[in-house]
Amino acid sequence: MSQLNGRRIQYAGAMRAKSAAAFLDIGESTLWRWVKEGKLPKGIRLTPRTTVWLREDLEQFLNQAFHDQRGV
């Protein structure tokens, strides 16, 4: 298996900024602002210009935000 194929398998549940923002129902600029403010995890930097977020991390963020909003 090539290194690239291994990376694709390892990050199969990963989303780039556009997809992550759509998943969270926010704009890309909001996604980057939240990362800068520490509200969202920084993601995984694959290259200097490519960052991905794991779906499970985004789901955990949404669950936490839901519980915080409801006071649970």
PDB file of N, CA and C in Angstrom:
ATOM      1  N   MET A   1       0.850  -1.170   0.000  1.00  0.00           N
ATOM      2  CA  MET A   1       0.000   0.000   0.000  1.00  0.00           C
ATOM      3  C   MET A   1       0.899   1.237   0.000  1.00  0.00           C
ATOM      4  N   SER A   2       0.586   2.182  -0.849  1.00  0.00           N
ATOM      5  CA  SER A   2       1.393   3.398  -0.895  1.00  0.00           C
ATOM      6  C   SER A   2       1.097   4.277   0.311  1.00  0.00           C
ATOM      7  N   GLN A   3       1.992   5.209   0.560  1.00  0.00           N
ATOM      8  CA  GLN A   3       1.801   6.115   1.698  1.00  0.00           C
ATOM      9  C   GLN A   3       0.540   6.953   1.502  1.00  0.00           C
ATOM     10  N   LEU A   4       0.274   7.398   0.272  1.00  0.00           N
ATOM     11  CA  LEU A   4      -0.911   8.204   0.006  1.00  0.00           C
ATOM     12  C   LEU A   4      -2.177   7.404   0.272  1.00  0.00           C
ATOM     13  N   ASN A   5      -2.222   6.158  -0.182  1.00  0.00           N
ATOM     14  CA  ASN A   5      -3.401   5.334   0.078  1.00  0.00           C
ATOM     15  C   ASN A   5      -3.601   5.128   1.568  1.00  0.00           C
ATOM     16  N   GLY A   6      -2.519   4.924   2.308  1.00  0.00           N
ATOM     17  CA  GLY A   6      -2.614   4.784   3.756  1.00  0.00           C
ATOM     18  C   GLY A   6      -3.155   6.038   4.401  1.00  0.00           C
ATOM     19  N   ARG A   7      -2.735   7.189   3.908  1.00  0.00           N
ATOM     20  CA  ARG A   7      -3.217   8.460   4.452  1.00  0.00           C
ATOM     21  C   ARG A   7      -4.706   8.612   4.163  1.00  0.00           C
ATOM     22  N   ARG A   8      -5.145   8.218   2.995  1.00  0.00           N
ATOM     23  CA  ARG A   8      -6.569   8.312   2.673  1.00  0.00           C
ATOM     24  C   ARG A   8      -7.393   7.427   3.594  1.00  0.00           C
ATOM     25  N   ILE A   9      -6.899   6.245   3.869  1.00  0.00           N
ATOM     26  CA  ILE A   9      -7.615   5.340   4.764  1.00  0.00           C
ATOM     27  C   ILE A   9      -7.617   5.902   6.177  1.00  0.00           C
ATOM     28  N   GLN A  10      -6.473   6.395   6.624  1.00  0.00           N
ATOM     29  CA  GLN A  10      -6.357   6.923   7.978  1.00  0.00           C
ATOM     30  C   GLN A  10      -7.293   8.104   8.191  1.00  0.00           C
ATOM     31  N   TYR A  11      -7.484   8.937   7.178  1.00  0.00           N
ATOM     32  CA  TYR A  11      -8.310  10.128   7.306  1.00  0.00           C
ATOM     33  C   TYR A  11      -9.624  10.002   6.540  1.00  0.00           C
ATOM     34  N   ALA A  12     -10.147   8.786   6.440  1.00  0.00           N
ATOM     35  CA  ALA A  12     -11.380   8.564   5.689  1.00  0.00           C
ATOM     36  C   ALA A  12     -12.546   9.354   6.268  1.00  0.00           C
ATOM     37  N   GLY A  13     -12.565   9.597   7.580  1.00  0.00           N
ATOM     38  CA  GLY A  13     -13.641  10.353   8.206  1.00  0.00           C
ATOM     39  C   GLY A  13     -13.317  11.825   8.334  1.00  0.00           C
ATOM     40  N   ALA A  14     -12.362  12.303   7.536  1.00  0.00           N
ATOM     41  CA  ALA A  14     -11.908  13.687   7.649  1.00  0.00           C
ATOM     42  C   ALA A  14     -12.599  14.577   6.628  1.00  0.00           C
ATOM     43  N   MET A  15     -12.754  15.847   7.010  1.00  0.00           N
ATOM     44  CA  MET A  15     -13.380  16.832   6.129  1.00  0.00           C
ATOM     45  C   MET A  15     -12.495  18.056   6.033  1.00  0.00           C
ATOM     46  N   ARG A  16     -12.398  18.596   4.828  1.00  0.00           N
ATOM     47  CA  ARG A  16     -11.698  19.860   4.645  1.00  0.00           C
ATOM     48  C   ARG A  16     -12.610  20.984   5.111  1.00  0.00           C
ATOM     49  N   ALA A  17     -12.088  22.203   5.121  1.00  0.00           N
ATOM     50  CA  ALA A  17     -12.798  23.347   5.703  1.00  0.00           C
ATOM     51  C   ALA A  17     -14.200  23.528   5.125  1.00  0.00           C
ATOM     52  N   LYS A  18     -14.340  23.453   3.824  1.00  0.00           N
ATOM     53  CA  LYS A  18     -15.648  23.671   3.197  1.00  0.00           C
ATOM     54  C   LYS A  18     -16.662  22.636   3.672  1.00  0.00           C
ATOM     55  N   SER A  19     -16.264  21.381   3.690  1.00  0.00           N
ATOM     56  CA  SER A  19     -17.164  20.308   4.127  1.00  0.00           C
ATOM     57  C   SER A  19     -17.440  20.383   5.623  1.00  0.00           C
ATOM     58  N   ALA A  20     -16.417  20.710   6.405  1.00  0.00           N
ATOM     59  CA  ALA A  20     -16.598  20.830   7.855  1.00  0.00           C
ATOM     60  C   ALA A  20     -17.560  21.963   8.179  1.00  0.00           C
ATOM     61  N   ALA A  21     -17.424  23.084   7.485  1.00  0.00           N
ATOM     62  CA  ALA A  21     -18.328  24.214   7.703  1.00  0.00           C
ATOM     63  C   ALA A  21     -19.758  23.834   7.329  1.00  0.00           C
ATOM     64  N   ALA A  22     -19.923  23.144   6.217  1.00  0.00           N
ATOM     65  CA  ALA A  22     -21.260  22.710   5.804  1.00  0.00           C
ATOM     66  C   ALA A  22     -21.844  21.738   6.826  1.00  0.00           C
ATOM     67  N   PHE A  23     -21.020  20.832   7.341  1.00  0.00           N
ATOM     68  CA  PHE A  23     -21.462  19.876   8.350  1.00  0.00           C
ATOM     69  C   PHE A  23     -21.965  20.593   9.598  1.00  0.00           C
ATOM     70  N   LEU A  24     -21.281  21.685   9.973  1.00  0.00           N
ATOM     71  CA  LEU A  24     -21.662  22.458  11.155  1.00  0.00           C
ATOM     72  C   LEU A  24     -22.728  23.509  10.845  1.00  0.00           C
ATOM     73  N   ASP A  25     -23.076  23.655   9.569  1.00  0.00           N
ATOM     74  CA  ASP A  25     -24.059  24.643   9.106  1.00  0.00           C
ATOM     75  C   ASP A  25     -23.606  26.069   9.429  1.00  0.00           C
ATOM     76  N   ILE A  26     -22.330  26.326   9.151  1.00  0.00           N
ATOM     77  CA  ILE A  26     -21.746  27.657   9.322  1.00  0.00           C
ATOM     78  C   ILE A  26     -20.939  27.979   8.072  1.00  0.00           C
ATOM     79  N   GLY A  27     -20.514  29.213   7.936  1.00  0.00           N
ATOM     80  CA  GLY A  27     -19.648  29.601   6.833  1.00  0.00           C
ATOM     81  C   GLY A  27     -18.199  29.248   7.125  1.00  0.00           C
ATOM     82  N   GLU A  28     -17.403  29.190   6.060  1.00  0.00           N
ATOM     83  CA  GLU A  28     -15.982  28.877   6.239  1.00  0.00           C
ATOM     84  C   GLU A  28     -15.271  29.923   7.091  1.00  0.00           C
ATOM     85  N   SER A  29     -15.624  31.190   6.910  1.00  0.00           N
ATOM     86  CA  SER A  29     -14.962  32.229   7.706  1.00  0.00           C
ATOM     87  C   SER A  29     -15.289  32.062   9.188  1.00  0.00           C
ATOM     88  N   THR A  30     -16.516  31.634   9.489  1.00  0.00           N
ATOM     89  CA  THR A  30     -16.891  31.370  10.886  1.00  0.00           C
ATOM     90  C   THR A  30     -16.097  30.190  11.424  1.00  0.00           C
ATOM     91  N   LEU A  31     -15.938  29.157  10.615  1.00  0.00           N
ATOM     92  CA  LEU A  31     -15.138  27.995  11.033  1.00  0.00           C
ATOM     93  C   LEU A  31     -13.732  28.432  11.428  1.00  0.00           C
ATOM     94  N   TRP A  32     -13.067  29.201  10.563  1.00  0.00           N
ATOM     95  CA  TRP A  32     -11.700  29.635  10.854  1.00  0.00           C
ATOM     96  C   TRP A  32     -11.662  30.574  12.052  1.00  0.00           C
ATOM     97  N   ARG A  33     -12.674  31.425  12.206  1.00  0.00           N
ATOM     98  CA  ARG A  33     -12.714  32.325  13.363  1.00  0.00           C
ATOM     99  C   ARG A  33     -12.857  31.520  14.647  1.00  0.00           C
ATOM    100  N   TRP A  34     -13.737  30.510  14.647  1.00  0.00           N
ATOM    101  CA  TRP A  34     -13.925  29.674  15.831  1.00  0.00           C
ATOM    102  C   TRP A  34     -12.657  28.912  16.180  1.00  0.00           C
ATOM    103  N   VAL A  35     -11.926  28.464  15.162  1.00  0.00           N
ATOM    104  CA  VAL A  35     -10.645  27.792  15.419  1.00  0.00           C
ATOM    105  C   VAL A  35      -9.686  28.775  16.081  1.00  0.00           C
ATOM    106  N   LYS A  36      -9.612  29.981  15.534  1.00  0.00           N
ATOM    107  CA  LYS A  36      -8.717  31.008  16.089  1.00  0.00           C
ATOM    108  C   LYS A  36      -9.093  31.358  17.527  1.00  0.00           C
ATOM    109  N   GLU A  37     -10.406  31.383  17.816  1.00  0.00           N
ATOM    110  CA  GLU A  37     -10.890  31.712  19.158  1.00  0.00           C
ATOM    111  C   GLU A  37     -10.816  30.530  20.123  1.00  0.00           C
ATOM    112  N   GLY A  38     -10.474  29.345  19.615  1.00  0.00           N
ATOM    113  CA  GLY A  38     -10.371  28.166  20.463  1.00  0.00           C
ATOM    114  C   GLY A  38     -11.690  27.452  20.697  1.00  0.00           C
ATOM    115  N   LYS A  39     -12.736  27.830  19.979  1.00  0.00           N
ATOM    116  CA  LYS A  39     -14.040  27.174  20.132  1.00  0.00           C
ATOM    117  C   LYS A  39     -14.058  25.814  19.447  1.00  0.00           C
ATOM    118  N   LEU A  40     -13.372  25.704  18.337  1.00  0.00           N
ATOM    119  CA  LEU A  40     -13.280  24.458  17.570  1.00  0.00           C
ATOM    120  C   LEU A  40     -11.859  23.922  17.660  1.00  0.00           C
ATOM    121  N   PRO A  41     -11.704  22.596  17.545  1.00  0.00           N
ATOM    122  CA  PRO A  41     -10.347  22.054  17.491  1.00  0.00           C
ATOM    123  C   PRO A  41      -9.625  22.571  16.247  1.00  0.00           C
ATOM    124  N   LYS A  42      -8.309  22.639  16.312  1.00  0.00           N
ATOM    125  CA  LYS A  42      -7.527  23.175  15.204  1.00  0.00           C
ATOM    126  C   LYS A  42      -7.551  22.291  13.968  1.00  0.00           C
ATOM    127  N   GLY A  43      -7.905  21.056  14.106  1.00  0.00           N
ATOM    128  CA  GLY A  43      -7.886  20.154  12.973  1.00  0.00           C
ATOM    129  C   GLY A  43      -6.504  19.546  12.790  1.00  0.00           C
ATOM    130  N   ILE A  44      -6.354  18.827  11.716  1.00  0.00           N
ATOM    131  CA  ILE A  44      -5.105  18.133  11.410  1.00  0.00           C
ATOM    132  C   ILE A  44      -4.526  18.762  10.156  1.00  0.00           C
ATOM    133  N   ARG A  45      -3.352  19.307  10.260  1.00  0.00           N
ATOM    134  CA  ARG A  45      -2.710  19.950   9.113  1.00  0.00           C
ATOM    135  C   ARG A  45      -1.978  18.879   8.314  1.00  0.00           C
ATOM    136  N   LEU A  46      -2.441  18.644   7.080  1.00  0.00           N
ATOM    137  CA  LEU A  46      -1.809  17.650   6.216  1.00  0.00           C
ATOM    138  C   LEU A  46      -0.666  18.255   5.415  1.00  0.00           C
ATOM    139  N   THR A  47      -0.873  19.479   4.957  1.00  0.00           N
ATOM    140  CA  THR A  47       0.143  20.240   4.239  1.00  0.00           C
ATOM    141  C   THR A  47       0.019  21.681   4.731  1.00  0.00           C
ATOM    142  N   PRO A  48       0.936  22.551   4.345  1.00  0.00           N
ATOM    143  CA  PRO A  48       0.807  23.941   4.799  1.00  0.00           C
ATOM    144  C   PRO A  48      -0.523  24.598   4.420  1.00  0.00           C
ATOM    145  N   ARG A  49      -1.180  24.110   3.367  1.00  0.00           N
ATOM    146  CA  ARG A  49      -2.434  24.721   2.928  1.00  0.00           C
ATOM    147  C   ARG A  49      -3.637  23.798   3.047  1.00  0.00           C
ATOM    148  N   THR A  50      -3.469  22.650   3.684  1.00  0.00           N
ATOM    149  CA  THR A  50      -4.577  21.701   3.799  1.00  0.00           C
ATOM    150  C   THR A  50      -4.755  21.267   5.244  1.00  0.00           C
ATOM    151  N   THR A  51      -5.921  21.589   5.793  1.00  0.00           N
ATOM    152  CA  THR A  51      -6.286  21.182   7.147  1.00  0.00           C
ATOM    153  C   THR A  51      -7.576  20.392   7.058  1.00  0.00           C
ATOM    154  N   VAL A  52      -7.668  19.337   7.849  1.00  0.00           N
ATOM    155  CA  VAL A  52      -8.888  18.531   7.886  1.00  0.00           C
ATOM    156  C   VAL A  52      -9.345  18.375   9.331  1.00  0.00           C
ATOM    157  N   TRP A  53     -10.630  18.138   9.476  1.00  0.00           N
ATOM    158  CA  TRP A  53     -11.224  17.871  10.786  1.00  0.00           C
ATOM    159  C   TRP A  53     -11.852  16.499  10.726  1.00  0.00           C
ATOM    160  N   LEU A  54     -11.699  15.735  11.808  1.00  0.00           N
ATOM    161  CA  LEU A  54     -12.322  14.424  11.881  1.00  0.00           C
ATOM    162  C   LEU A  54     -13.793  14.593  12.216  1.00  0.00           C
ATOM    163  N   ARG A  55     -14.617  13.829  11.539  1.00  0.00           N
ATOM    164  CA  ARG A  55     -16.059  13.907  11.753  1.00  0.00           C
ATOM    165  C   ARG A  55     -16.405  13.695  13.226  1.00  0.00           C
ATOM    166  N   GLU A  56     -15.738  12.742  13.868  1.00  0.00           N
ATOM    167  CA  GLU A  56     -16.041  12.456  15.278  1.00  0.00           C
ATOM    168  C   GLU A  56     -15.724  13.659  16.169  1.00  0.00           C
ATOM    169  N   ASP A  57     -14.680  14.430  15.835  1.00  0.00           N
ATOM    170  CA  ASP A  57     -14.366  15.636  16.608  1.00  0.00           C
ATOM    171  C   ASP A  57     -15.448  16.697  16.433  1.00  0.00           C
ATOM    172  N   LEU A  58     -15.950  16.834  15.207  1.00  0.00           N
ATOM    173  CA  LEU A  58     -17.010  17.809  14.946  1.00  0.00           C
ATOM    174  C   LEU A  58     -18.314  17.387  15.615  1.00  0.00           C
ATOM    175  N   GLU A  59     -18.604  16.087  15.603  1.00  0.00           N
ATOM    176  CA  GLU A  59     -19.807  15.601  16.286  1.00  0.00           C
ATOM    177  C   GLU A  59     -19.705  15.846  17.788  1.00  0.00           C
ATOM    178  N   GLN A  60     -18.525  15.628  18.346  1.00  0.00           N
ATOM    179  CA  GLN A  60     -18.311  15.877  19.773  1.00  0.00           C
ATOM    180  C   GLN A  60     -18.505  17.364  20.083  1.00  0.00           C
ATOM    181  N   PHE A  61     -18.012  18.234  19.214  1.00  0.00           N
ATOM    182  CA  PHE A  61     -18.204  19.677  19.385  1.00  0.00           C
ATOM    183  C   PHE A  61     -19.693  20.016  19.386  1.00  0.00           C
ATOM    184  N   LEU A  62     -20.444  19.462  18.434  1.00  0.00           N
ATOM    185  CA  LEU A  62     -21.881  19.739  18.363  1.00  0.00           C
ATOM    186  C   LEU A  62     -22.605  19.228  19.602  1.00  0.00           C
ATOM    187  N   ASN A  63     -22.266  18.035  20.050  1.00  0.00           N
ATOM    188  CA  ASN A  63     -22.897  17.482  21.255  1.00  0.00           C
ATOM    189  C   ASN A  63     -22.613  18.349  22.472  1.00  0.00           C
ATOM    190  N   GLN A  64     -21.373  18.798  22.604  1.00  0.00           N
ATOM    191  CA  GLN A  64     -21.009  19.648  23.740  1.00  0.00           C
ATOM    192  C   GLN A  64     -21.739  20.983  23.667  1.00  0.00           C
ATOM    193  N   ALA A  65     -21.814  21.567  22.481  1.00  0.00           N
ATOM    194  CA  ALA A  65     -22.514  22.847  22.313  1.00  0.00           C
ATOM    195  C   ALA A  65     -23.994  22.687  22.648  1.00  0.00           C
ATOM    196  N   PHE A  66     -24.586  21.563  22.254  1.00  0.00           N
ATOM    197  CA  PHE A  66     -25.995  21.297  22.545  1.00  0.00           C
ATOM    198  C   PHE A  66     -26.216  21.195  24.052  1.00  0.00           C
ATOM    199  N   HIS A  67     -25.345  20.442  24.731  1.00  0.00           N
ATOM    200  CA  HIS A  67     -25.481  20.281  26.181  1.00  0.00           C
ATOM    201  C   HIS A  67     -25.233  21.595  26.917  1.00  0.00           C
ATOM    202  N   ASP A  68     -24.262  22.377  26.453  1.00  0.00           N
ATOM    203  CA  ASP A  68     -23.991  23.674  27.078  1.00  0.00           C
ATOM    204  C   ASP A  68     -25.182  24.608  26.927  1.00  0.00           C
ATOM    205  N   GLN A  69     -25.800  24.578  25.757  1.00  0.00           N
ATOM    206  CA  GLN A  69     -26.944  25.449  25.493  1.00  0.00           C
ATOM    207  C   GLN A  69     -28.146  25.059  26.349  1.00  0.00           C
ATOM    208  N   ARG A  70     -28.316  23.776  26.562  1.00  0.00           N
ATOM    209  CA  ARG A  70     -29.457  23.287  27.336  1.00  0.00           C
ATOM    210  C   ARG A  70     -29.177  23.284  28.834  1.00  0.00           C
ATOM    211  N   GLY A  71     -27.939  23.549  29.203  1.00  0.00           N
ATOM    212  CA  GLY A  71     -27.594  23.554  30.618  1.00  0.00           C
ATOM    213  C   GLY A  71     -27.520  22.174  31.226  1.00  0.00           C
ATOM    214  N   VAL A  72     -27.247  21.182  30.388  1.00  0.00           N
ATOM    215  CA  VAL A  72     -27.180  19.795  30.860  1.00  0.00           C
ATOM    216  C   VAL A  72     -25.828  19.531  31.465  1.00  0.00           C
TER     217      VAL A  72
END
